[in-house]
C-alpha cells in the first residue's frame, strides 16, 4: 500500500501525522513524503490544505493516479488513523 503525504518544511501537523503513520505496523505501508514547495502545481493545490494524504492507484492500463483520502484530525490517535486507512485499504490488518 502506497501513501503520498504532501507536506512542507516546518509543518508540525505534517510531522505528527507522519509519525503516526510510521507507527502503524499491522500492515505494510509505503509512505512517500512530497514537499509542496518543490513544485508549483503541488504548492498551488495544497498550500492551504496540508497535510494531504493520497493513495496511489495503478489502473488496469498501467496508468498511476492518486485518490485523495480524508485528513485525520490532529488529535486522532495512531489507532484512529489506522482505522481510517482500513476503510480505504480493506485488506489492512487481515493478512
Protein backbone atom coordinates (compact mmCIF):
# COMPACT_ATOMS: atom_id res chain seq x y z
CA UNK A 1 0.00 0.00 0.00
CA UNK A 2 1.46 3.27 -1.06
CA UNK A 3 0.51 6.57 0.52
CA UNK A 4 1.69 10.00 -0.51
CA UNK A 5 1.89 12.70 2.15
CA UNK A 6 2.03 16.24 0.84
CA UNK A 7 3.89 18.40 3.34
CA UNK A 8 6.30 21.30 3.64
CA UNK A 9 9.26 22.05 5.88
CA UNK A 10 8.24 23.20 9.34
CA UNK A 11 4.70 21.83 9.15
CA UNK A 12 4.14 20.39 12.62
CA UNK A 13 0.79 18.85 11.68
CA UNK A 14 2.52 17.04 8.81
CA UNK A 15 5.33 15.83 11.06
CA UNK A 16 2.88 14.49 13.66
CA UNK A 17 0.80 12.72 11.04
CA UNK A 18 3.92 11.12 9.52
CA UNK A 19 4.96 9.90 12.98
CA UNK A 20 1.54 8.29 13.45
CA UNK A 21 1.64 6.67 10.01
CA UNK A 22 5.07 5.22 10.75
CA UNK A 23 3.75 3.68 13.97
CA UNK A 24 1.14 1.62 12.13
CA UNK A 25 2.76 -1.79 11.96
CA UNK A 26 -0.26 -4.03 11.32
CA UNK A 27 0.25 -3.88 7.57
CA UNK A 28 2.92 -2.87 5.11
CA UNK A 29 2.66 0.81 4.38
CA UNK A 30 4.95 2.63 1.96
CA UNK A 31 4.93 6.38 2.55
CA UNK A 32 6.31 8.95 0.15
CA UNK A 33 6.60 12.48 1.53
CA UNK A 34 6.34 15.20 -1.08
CA UNK A 35 7.49 18.73 -0.28
CA UNK A 36 4.93 21.07 -1.85
CA UNK A 37 7.48 23.87 -2.02
CA UNK A 38 9.43 21.96 -4.70
CA UNK A 39 6.71 22.10 -7.37
CA UNK A 40 4.40 24.97 -8.23
CA UNK A 41 1.44 22.70 -9.04
CA UNK A 42 1.65 20.96 -5.65
CA UNK A 43 2.02 24.29 -3.86
CA UNK A 44 -0.96 25.80 -5.67
CA UNK A 45 -3.11 22.77 -4.97
CA UNK A 46 -2.19 22.15 -1.33
CA UNK A 47 -0.74 25.32 0.22
CA UNK A 48 -3.78 25.79 2.49
CA UNK A 49 -4.61 22.11 2.95
CA UNK A 50 -1.51 20.30 4.23
CA UNK A 51 -1.10 17.69 5.46
CA UNK A 52 -2.75 15.98 2.49
CA UNK A 53 -2.77 12.20 2.09
CA UNK A 54 -3.45 10.37 -1.15
CA UNK A 55 -3.28 6.71 -2.03
CA UNK A 56 -1.65 5.59 -5.23
CA UNK A 57 -3.83 3.59 -7.59
CA UNK A 58 -2.47 1.61 -10.53
CA UNK A 59 -5.15 1.38 -13.22
CA UNK A 60 -5.58 -1.73 -15.40
CA UNK A 61 -3.98 0.14 -18.31
CA UNK A 62 -0.89 0.84 -16.17
CA UNK A 63 -1.69 4.49 -15.54
CA UNK A 64 -0.90 5.63 -12.00
CA UNK A 65 -3.22 8.11 -10.35
CA UNK A 66 -3.91 9.36 -6.86
CA UNK A 67 -7.05 9.25 -4.75
CA UNK A 68 -7.42 11.89 -2.06
CA UNK A 69 -8.03 10.49 1.44
CA UNK A 70 -9.66 12.37 4.30
CA UNK A 71 -7.27 14.14 6.61
CA UNK A 72 -7.34 12.71 10.13
CA UNK A 73 -7.86 15.11 12.99
CA UNK A 74 -4.60 16.31 14.56
CA UNK A 75 -5.94 14.79 17.80
CA UNK A 76 -6.52 11.37 16.20
CA UNK A 77 -4.62 8.54 17.82
CA UNK A 78 -2.49 6.08 15.89
CA UNK A 79 -5.37 3.60 16.22
CA UNK A 80 -7.83 6.15 14.77
CA UNK A 81 -5.55 6.78 11.80
CA UNK A 82 -5.20 3.03 11.26
CA UNK A 83 -8.99 2.59 11.33
CA UNK A 84 -9.41 5.39 8.78
CA UNK A 85 -6.89 3.74 6.46
CA UNK A 86 -8.65 0.38 6.78
CA UNK A 87 -11.71 1.96 5.16
CA UNK A 88 -9.67 2.73 2.06
CA UNK A 89 -7.47 -0.37 2.11
CA UNK A 90 -9.97 -3.09 3.10
CA UNK A 91 -7.32 -5.80 3.40
CA UNK A 92 -5.37 -3.84 6.03
CA UNK A 93 -4.72 -5.83 9.15
CA UNK A 94 -6.23 -9.03 7.77
CA UNK A 95 -3.06 -10.65 6.49
